[in-house]
PDB file of N, CA and C in Angstrom:
ATOM      1  N   MET A   1     100.709 -24.425-237.854  1.00  0.00           N
ATOM      2  CA  MET A   1     101.079 -22.891-237.820  1.00  0.00           C
ATOM      3  C   MET A   1     100.166 -22.293-238.638  1.00  0.00           C
ATOM      4  N   LEU A   2      99.298 -21.433-237.746  1.00  0.00           N
ATOM      5  CA  LEU A   2      98.533 -20.621-238.565  1.00  0.00           C
ATOM      6  C   LEU A   2      98.918 -19.133-239.274  1.00  0.00           C
ATOM      7  N   VAL A   3      98.933 -18.749-240.415  1.00  0.00           N
ATOM      8  CA  VAL A   3      99.449 -17.686-241.197  1.00  0.00           C
ATOM      9  C   VAL A   3      98.488 -16.690-241.387  1.00  0.00           C
ATOM     10  N   CYS A   4      98.646 -15.459-241.135  1.00  0.00           N
ATOM     11  CA  CYS A   4      97.777 -14.989-241.713  1.00  0.00           C
ATOM     12  C   CYS A   4      97.455 -14.270-243.285  1.00  0.00           C
ATOM     13  N   VAL A   5      96.650 -14.278-243.330  1.00  0.00           N
ATOM     14  CA  VAL A   5      96.582 -14.463-245.560  1.00  0.00           C
ATOM     15  C   VAL A   5      96.955 -12.751-245.810  1.00  0.00           C
ATOM     16  N   ARG A   6      96.396 -12.018-244.862  1.00  0.00           N
ATOM     17  CA  ARG A   6      97.402 -10.993-245.151  1.00  0.00           C
ATOM     18  C   ARG A   6      98.477 -10.881-244.880  1.00  0.00           C
ATOM     19  N   HIS A   7      98.872 -11.089-243.738  1.00  0.00           N
ATOM     20  CA  HIS A   7     100.652 -11.158-244.101  1.00  0.00           C
ATOM     21  C   HIS A   7     101.501 -12.032-245.177  1.00  0.00           C
ATOM     22  N   ILE A   8     100.569 -12.759-245.428  1.00  0.00           N
ATOM     23  CA  ILE A   8     101.138 -13.888-246.917  1.00  0.00           C
ATOM     24  C   ILE A   8     101.063 -13.166-248.123  1.00  0.00           C
ATOM     25  N   ASN A   9     100.058 -12.546-248.369  1.00  0.00           N
ATOM     26  CA  ASN A   9      99.705 -11.481-248.984  1.00  0.00           C
ATOM     27  C   ASN A   9     101.078 -10.238-249.544  1.00  0.00           C
ATOM     28  N   MET A  10     101.215  -9.445-248.228  1.00  0.00           N
ATOM     29  CA  MET A  10     102.360  -8.443-248.302  1.00  0.00           C
ATOM     30  C   MET A  10     103.284  -8.951-248.414  1.00  0.00           C
ATOM     31  N   ILE A  11     103.826 -10.222-248.359  1.00  0.00           N
ATOM     32  CA  ILE A  11     105.383 -10.591-248.341  1.00  0.00           C
ATOM     33  C   ILE A  11     105.358 -11.017-250.138  1.00  0.00           C
ATOM     34  N   MET A  12     104.257 -11.656-251.033  1.00  0.00           N
ATOM     35  CA  MET A  12     104.020 -11.778-251.767  1.00  0.00           C
ATOM     36  C   MET A  12     104.211 -10.022-252.873  1.00  0.00           C
ATOM     37  N   GLU A  13     103.455  -9.331-252.277  1.00  0.00           N
ATOM     38  CA  GLU A  13     103.634  -8.053-252.761  1.00  0.00           C
ATOM     39  C   GLU A  13     105.367  -8.023-252.740  1.00  0.00           C
ATOM     40  N   THR A  14     105.688  -7.863-251.577  1.00  0.00           N
ATOM     41  CA  THR A  14     107.505  -7.467-251.682  1.00  0.00           C
ATOM     42  C   THR A  14     108.364  -8.431-252.498  1.00  0.00           C
ATOM     43  N   LEU A  15     107.894  -9.726-252.378  1.00  0.00           N
ATOM     44  CA  LEU A  15     108.969 -10.412-252.965  1.00  0.00           C
ATOM     45  C   LEU A  15     108.617 -10.196-254.778  1.00  0.00           C
ATOM     46  N   GLU A  16     107.819  -9.636-255.014  1.00  0.00           N
ATOM     47  CA  GLU A  16     107.319  -9.687-256.857  1.00  0.00           C
ATOM     48  C   GLU A  16     107.532  -8.246-256.860  1.00  0.00           C
ATOM     49  N   LYS A  17     107.694  -6.856-255.973  1.00  0.00           N
ATOM     50  CA  LYS A  17     108.705  -5.759-256.228  1.00  0.00           C
ATOM     51  C   LYS A  17     110.001  -6.373-256.379  1.00  0.00           C
ATOM     52  N   THR A  18     110.544  -6.951-255.456  1.00  0.00           N
ATOM     53  CA  THR A  18     112.116  -7.400-255.152  1.00  0.00           C
ATOM     54  C   THR A  18     112.693  -7.850-256.552  1.00  0.00           C
ATOM     55  N   LEU A  19     111.761  -8.917-257.333  1.00  0.00           N
ATOM     56  CA  LEU A  19     112.058  -9.565-258.590  1.00  0.00           C
ATOM     57  C   LEU A  19     111.524  -8.874-259.748  1.00  0.00           C
ATOM     58  N   ARG A  20     111.295  -8.066-259.809  1.00  0.00           N
ATOM     59  CA  ARG A  20     110.999  -6.982-260.682  1.00  0.00           C
ATOM     60  C   ARG A  20     112.005  -5.882-260.614  1.00  0.00           C
ATOM     61  N   LEU A  21     112.028  -5.494-259.458  1.00  0.00           N
ATOM     62  CA  LEU A  21     113.404  -4.347-259.295  1.00  0.00           C
ATOM     63  C   LEU A  21     114.779  -5.256-259.990  1.00  0.00           C
ATOM     64  N   SER A  22     114.969  -6.487-259.261  1.00  0.00           N
ATOM     65  CA  SER A  22     116.339  -7.292-259.904  1.00  0.00           C
ATOM     66  C   SER A  22     116.126  -7.629-261.383  1.00  0.00           C
ATOM     67  N   HIS A  23     114.694  -7.894-261.545  1.00  0.00           N
ATOM     68  CA  HIS A  23     115.117  -8.088-263.343  1.00  0.00           C
ATOM     69  C   HIS A  23     114.864  -6.945-264.030  1.00  0.00           C
ATOM     70  N   ASP A  24     114.580  -5.961-263.865  1.00  0.00           N
ATOM     71  CA  ASP A  24     115.102  -4.418-264.274  1.00  0.00           C
ATOM     72  C   ASP A  24     116.322  -3.864-264.618  1.00  0.00           C
ATOM     73  N   TRP A  25     116.842  -4.099-263.200  1.00  0.00           N
ATOM     74  CA  TRP A  25     118.682  -3.986-262.958  1.00  0.00           C
ATOM     75  C   TRP A  25     119.028  -4.707-263.984  1.00  0.00           C
ATOM     76  N   ALA A  26     118.987  -5.827-263.915  1.00  0.00           N
ATOM     77  CA  ALA A  26     119.312  -6.937-265.356  1.00  0.00           C
ATOM     78  C   ALA A  26     119.025  -6.006-266.378  1.00  0.00           C
ATOM     79  N   VAL A  27     118.556  -6.049-267.076  1.00  0.00           N
ATOM     80  CA  VAL A  27     118.113  -5.351-268.209  1.00  0.00           C
ATOM     81  C   VAL A  27     118.937  -4.030-268.373  1.00  0.00           C
ATOM     82  N   ASP A  28     118.426  -3.327-267.736  1.00  0.00           N
ATOM     83  CA  ASP A  28     119.354  -1.598-267.799  1.00  0.00           C
ATOM     84  C   ASP A  28     120.856  -1.892-268.052  1.00  0.00           C
ATOM     85  N   ARG A  29     121.475  -2.686-266.867  1.00  0.00           N
ATOM     86  CA  ARG A  29     122.986  -3.384-266.799  1.00  0.00           C
ATOM     87  C   ARG A  29     123.423  -3.524-267.657  1.00  0.00           C
ATOM     88  N   ILE A  30     122.627  -4.558-268.808  1.00  0.00           N
ATOM     89  CA  ILE A  30     123.266  -4.791-269.870  1.00  0.00           C
ATOM     90  C   ILE A  30     123.302  -3.919-271.101  1.00  0.00           C
ATOM     91  N   HIS A  31     122.147  -3.287-271.166  1.00  0.00           N
ATOM     92  CA  HIS A  31     122.038  -2.350-272.226  1.00  0.00           C
ATOM     93  C   HIS A  31     123.152  -1.323-271.642  1.00  0.00           C
ATOM     94  N   SER A  32     123.579  -1.088-270.556  1.00  0.00           N
ATOM     95  CA  SER A  32     124.501   0.098-270.070  1.00  0.00           C
ATOM     96  C   SER A  32     125.847  -0.866-270.461  1.00  0.00           C
ATOM     97  N   LEU A  33     126.397  -1.681-270.077  1.00  0.00           N
ATOM     98  CA  LEU A  33     127.734  -2.610-270.480  1.00  0.00           C
ATOM     99  C   LEU A  33     127.624  -2.181-272.370  1.00  0.00           C
ATOM    100  N   CYS A  34     126.590  -2.802-273.260  1.00  0.00           N
ATOM    101  CA  CYS A  34     126.518  -3.239-274.525  1.00  0.00           C
ATOM    102  C   CYS A  34     126.660  -1.732-274.504  1.00  0.00           C
ATOM    103  N   GLU A  35     126.325  -0.444-274.523  1.00  0.00           N
ATOM    104  CA  GLU A  35     126.528   0.727-274.884  1.00  0.00           C
ATOM    105  C   GLU A  35     128.453   1.300-274.680  1.00  0.00           C
ATOM    106  N   GLN A  36     128.360   0.575-274.217  1.00  0.00           N
ATOM    107  CA  GLN A  36     130.246   0.880-273.516  1.00  0.00           C
ATOM    108  C   GLN A  36     130.993   0.002-274.077  1.00  0.00           C
ATOM    109  N   ARG A  37     130.283  -0.852-274.627  1.00  0.00           N
ATOM    110  CA  ARG A  37     131.219  -1.984-275.406  1.00  0.00           C
ATOM    111  C   ARG A  37     131.974  -2.967-274.519  1.00  0.00           C
ATOM    112  N   ASP A  38     131.316  -3.244-273.158  1.00  0.00           N
ATOM    113  CA  ASP A  38     131.585  -3.917-272.379  1.00  0.00           C
ATOM    114  C   ASP A  38     131.172  -5.458-272.868  1.00  0.00           C
ATOM    115  N   TYR A  39     131.036  -5.903-273.651  1.00  0.00           N
ATOM    116  CA  TYR A  39     130.175  -7.434-273.880  1.00  0.00           C
ATOM    117  C   TYR A  39     130.435  -8.345-273.227  1.00  0.00           C
ATOM    118  N   GLU A  40     131.815  -8.518-272.457  1.00  0.00           N
ATOM    119  CA  GLU A  40     131.861  -9.944-271.674  1.00  0.00           C
ATOM    120  C   GLU A  40     131.122  -9.542-270.368  1.00  0.00           C
ATOM    121  N   ASP A  41     131.253  -8.487-269.369  1.00  0.00           N
ATOM    122  CA  ASP A  41     130.424  -8.458-268.963  1.00  0.00           C
ATOM    123  C   ASP A  41     128.784  -8.348-268.743  1.00  0.00           C
ATOM    124  N   ALA A  42     127.927  -7.800-269.849  1.00  0.00           N
ATOM    125  CA  ALA A  42     127.128  -7.921-270.216  1.00  0.00           C
ATOM    126  C   ALA A  42     126.147  -9.389-270.661  1.00  0.00           C
ATOM    127  N   GLN A  43     127.505  -9.911-270.796  1.00  0.00           N
ATOM    128  CA  GLN A  43     127.198 -11.371-271.308  1.00  0.00           C
ATOM    129  C   GLN A  43     126.942 -11.800-270.073  1.00  0.00           C
ATOM    130  N   ALA A  44     128.015 -11.975-269.011  1.00  0.00           N
ATOM    131  CA  ALA A  44     128.130 -12.654-267.989  1.00  0.00           C
ATOM    132  C   ALA A  44     126.563 -12.376-266.637  1.00  0.00           C
ATOM    133  N   ILE A  45     126.523 -11.352-267.224  1.00  0.00           N
ATOM    134  CA  ILE A  45     124.846 -10.735-266.396  1.00  0.00           C
ATOM    135  C   ILE A  45     123.782 -11.574-267.567  1.00  0.00           C
ATOM    136  N   GLN A  46     123.780 -11.686-268.606  1.00  0.00           N
ATOM    137  CA  GLN A  46     122.534 -12.448-268.982  1.00  0.00           C
ATOM    138  C   GLN A  46     122.667 -13.645-269.062  1.00  0.00           C
ATOM    139  N   SER A  47     123.696 -14.451-268.526  1.00  0.00           N
ATOM    140  CA  SER A  47     124.219 -15.719-268.627  1.00  0.00           C
ATOM    141  C   SER A  47     123.230 -16.157-266.676  1.00  0.00           C
ATOM    142  N   GLU A  48     123.567 -14.798-266.034  1.00  0.00           N
ATOM    143  CA  GLU A  48     123.344 -15.327-264.764  1.00  0.00           C
ATOM    144  C   GLU A  48     122.170 -14.827-264.932  1.00  0.00           C
ATOM    145  N   PHE A  49     121.036 -13.966-265.661  1.00  0.00           N
ATOM    146  CA  PHE A  49     119.727 -14.035-265.335  1.00  0.00           C
ATOM    147  C   PHE A  49     119.078 -14.429-267.053  1.00  0.00           C
ATOM    148  N   SER A  50     119.535 -15.067-267.433  1.00  0.00           N
ATOM    149  CA  SER A  50     118.968 -15.890-268.883  1.00  0.00           C
ATOM    150  C   SER A  50     117.397 -16.518-268.371  1.00  0.00           C
ATOM    151  N   GLU A  51     117.333 -17.148-267.137  1.00  0.00           N
ATOM    152  CA  GLU A  51     116.068 -17.924-267.313  1.00  0.00           C
ATOM    153  C   GLU A  51     114.920 -16.891-266.844  1.00  0.00           C
ATOM    154  N   TRP A  52     115.236 -15.498-265.782  1.00  0.00           N
ATOM    155  CA  TRP A  52     114.134 -14.745-266.067  1.00  0.00           C
ATOM    156  C   TRP A  52     114.114 -13.786-266.982  1.00  0.00           C
ATOM    157  N   LEU A  53     114.842 -13.579-268.024  1.00  0.00           N
ATOM    158  CA  LEU A  53     115.215 -12.849-269.370  1.00  0.00           C
ATOM    159  C   LEU A  53     114.335 -13.747-270.313  1.00  0.00           C
ATOM    160  N   ASN A  54     113.515 -14.803-269.862  1.00  0.00           N
ATOM    161  CA  ASN A  54     113.467 -15.595-271.086  1.00  0.00           C
ATOM    162  C   ASN A  54     112.349 -15.409-271.416  1.00  0.00           C
ATOM    163  N   PRO A  55     111.239 -15.103-271.881  1.00  0.00           N
ATOM    164  CA  PRO A  55     109.654 -14.951-271.832  1.00  0.00           C
ATOM    165  C   PRO A  55     108.795 -16.314-272.604  1.00  0.00           C
ATOM    166  N   ASP A  56     109.835 -17.473-272.508  1.00  0.00           N
ATOM    167  CA  ASP A  56     109.480 -18.331-272.917  1.00  0.00           C
ATOM    168  C   ASP A  56     108.905 -19.357-271.895  1.00  0.00           C
ATOM    169  N   ILE A  57     109.421 -19.192-270.822  1.00  0.00           N
ATOM    170  CA  ILE A  57     109.299 -19.798-268.957  1.00  0.00           C
ATOM    171  C   ILE A  57     108.364 -18.713-268.562  1.00  0.00           C
ATOM    172  N   PRO A  58     107.465 -19.449-268.237  1.00  0.00           N
ATOM    173  CA  PRO A  58     106.190 -18.893-267.688  1.00  0.00           C
ATOM    174  C   PRO A  58     106.422 -19.007-266.206  1.00  0.00           C
ATOM    175  N   ASP A  59     107.165 -19.663-265.528  1.00  0.00           N
ATOM    176  CA  ASP A  59     107.057 -19.423-263.916  1.00  0.00           C
ATOM    177  C   ASP A  59     108.521 -20.154-263.944  1.00  0.00           C
ATOM    178  N   HIS A  60     108.752 -19.439-262.564  1.00  0.00           N
ATOM    179  CA  HIS A  60     110.347 -19.445-262.159  1.00  0.00           C
ATOM    180  C   HIS A  60     110.475 -20.284-260.916  1.00  0.00           C
ATOM    181  N   ASP A  61     111.228 -21.020-260.191  1.00  0.00           N
ATOM    182  CA  ASP A  61     111.607 -21.423-259.000  1.00  0.00           C
ATOM    183  C   ASP A  61     112.362 -20.186-258.133  1.00  0.00           C
ATOM    184  N   ILE A  62     111.719 -19.856-256.672  1.00  0.00           N
ATOM    185  CA  ILE A  62     112.459 -18.791-256.264  1.00  0.00           C
ATOM    186  C   ILE A  62     112.524 -19.472-254.888  1.00  0.00           C
ATOM    187  N   PHE A  63     114.098 -19.429-254.424  1.00  0.00           N
ATOM    188  CA  PHE A  63     114.722 -19.930-253.016  1.00  0.00           C
ATOM    189  C   PHE A  63     114.716 -18.964-252.705  1.00  0.00           C
ATOM    190  N   SER A  64     114.254 -18.799-251.509  1.00  0.00           N
ATOM    191  CA  SER A  64     114.691 -17.485-250.567  1.00  0.00           C
ATOM    192  C   SER A  64     115.085 -18.260-249.314  1.00  0.00           C
ATOM    193  N   LEU A  65     116.091 -17.314-248.481  1.00  0.00           N
ATOM    194  CA  LEU A  65     117.188 -18.130-247.253  1.00  0.00           C
ATOM    195  C   LEU A  65     116.845 -16.860-245.917  1.00  0.00           C
ATOM    196  N   ALA A  66     116.514 -17.878-244.968  1.00  0.00           N
ATOM    197  CA  ALA A  66     116.112 -16.923-243.918  1.00  0.00           C
ATOM    198  C   ALA A  66     117.468 -15.619-244.009  1.00  0.00           C
ATOM    199  N   TYR A  67     117.604 -15.061-242.553  1.00  0.00           N
ATOM    200  CA  TYR A  67     118.144 -14.154-242.222  1.00  0.00           C
ATOM    201  C   TYR A  67     118.664 -15.172-241.342  1.00  0.00           C
ATOM    202  N   ILE A  68     120.269 -15.105-241.312  1.00  0.00           N
ATOM    203  CA  ILE A  68     121.457 -15.598-239.720  1.00  0.00           C
ATOM    204  C   ILE A  68     121.626 -14.732-239.470  1.00  0.00           C
ATOM    205  N   GLY A  69     122.153 -13.868-239.690  1.00  0.00           N
ATOM    206  CA  GLY A  69     123.363 -12.468-238.586  1.00  0.00           C
ATOM    207  C   GLY A  69     122.744 -12.170-237.648  1.00  0.00           C
ATOM    208  N   GLU A  70     123.491 -12.018-237.143  1.00  0.00           N
ATOM    209  CA  GLU A  70     122.750 -11.466-235.798  1.00  0.00           C
ATOM    210  C   GLU A  70     121.907 -10.607-235.693  1.00  0.00           C
ATOM    211  N   LYS A  71     120.580 -10.413-234.704  1.00  0.00           N
ATOM    212  CA  LYS A  71     119.452  -9.417-235.440  1.00  0.00           C
ATOM    213  C   LYS A  71     119.492  -7.807-235.173  1.00  0.00           C
ATOM    214  N   ASN A  72     121.042  -7.440-234.362  1.00  0.00           N
ATOM    215  CA  ASN A  72     121.175  -5.825-233.858  1.00  0.00           C
ATOM    216  C   ASN A  72     121.889  -6.033-236.061  1.00  0.00           C
ATOM    217  N   ASP A  73     122.113  -6.704-236.660  1.00  0.00           N
ATOM    218  CA  ASP A  73     123.217  -6.846-237.624  1.00  0.00           C
ATOM    219  C   ASP A  73     122.145  -6.082-239.296  1.00  0.00           C
ATOM    220  N   ARG A  74     120.666  -6.490-238.879  1.00  0.00           N
ATOM    221  CA  ARG A  74     119.584  -6.216-240.001  1.00  0.00           C
ATOM    222  C   ARG A  74     119.795  -4.845-240.161  1.00  0.00           C
ATOM    223  N   THR A  75     119.756  -4.269-241.156  1.00  0.00           N
ATOM    224  CA  THR A  75     119.628  -2.910-241.831  1.00  0.00           C
ATOM    225  C   THR A  75     118.292  -2.402-242.300  1.00  0.00           C
TER     226      THR A  75
END
């Protein structure tokens, strides 16, 4: 299967932006919950994102699933 390098670069840019948004959301949410003294929920998010938040882990395995719904369900 021939895949255009330009298309792959666009996909990687989108993936990197999505990962950065998810990372930043987790950090912001943890801080917000701690300010509200909701330490249990803050800990739950920290636990879920622990690998992403650990600066000593240089690379991460990313798994992506293809959309499996109906074509007209996409938004």
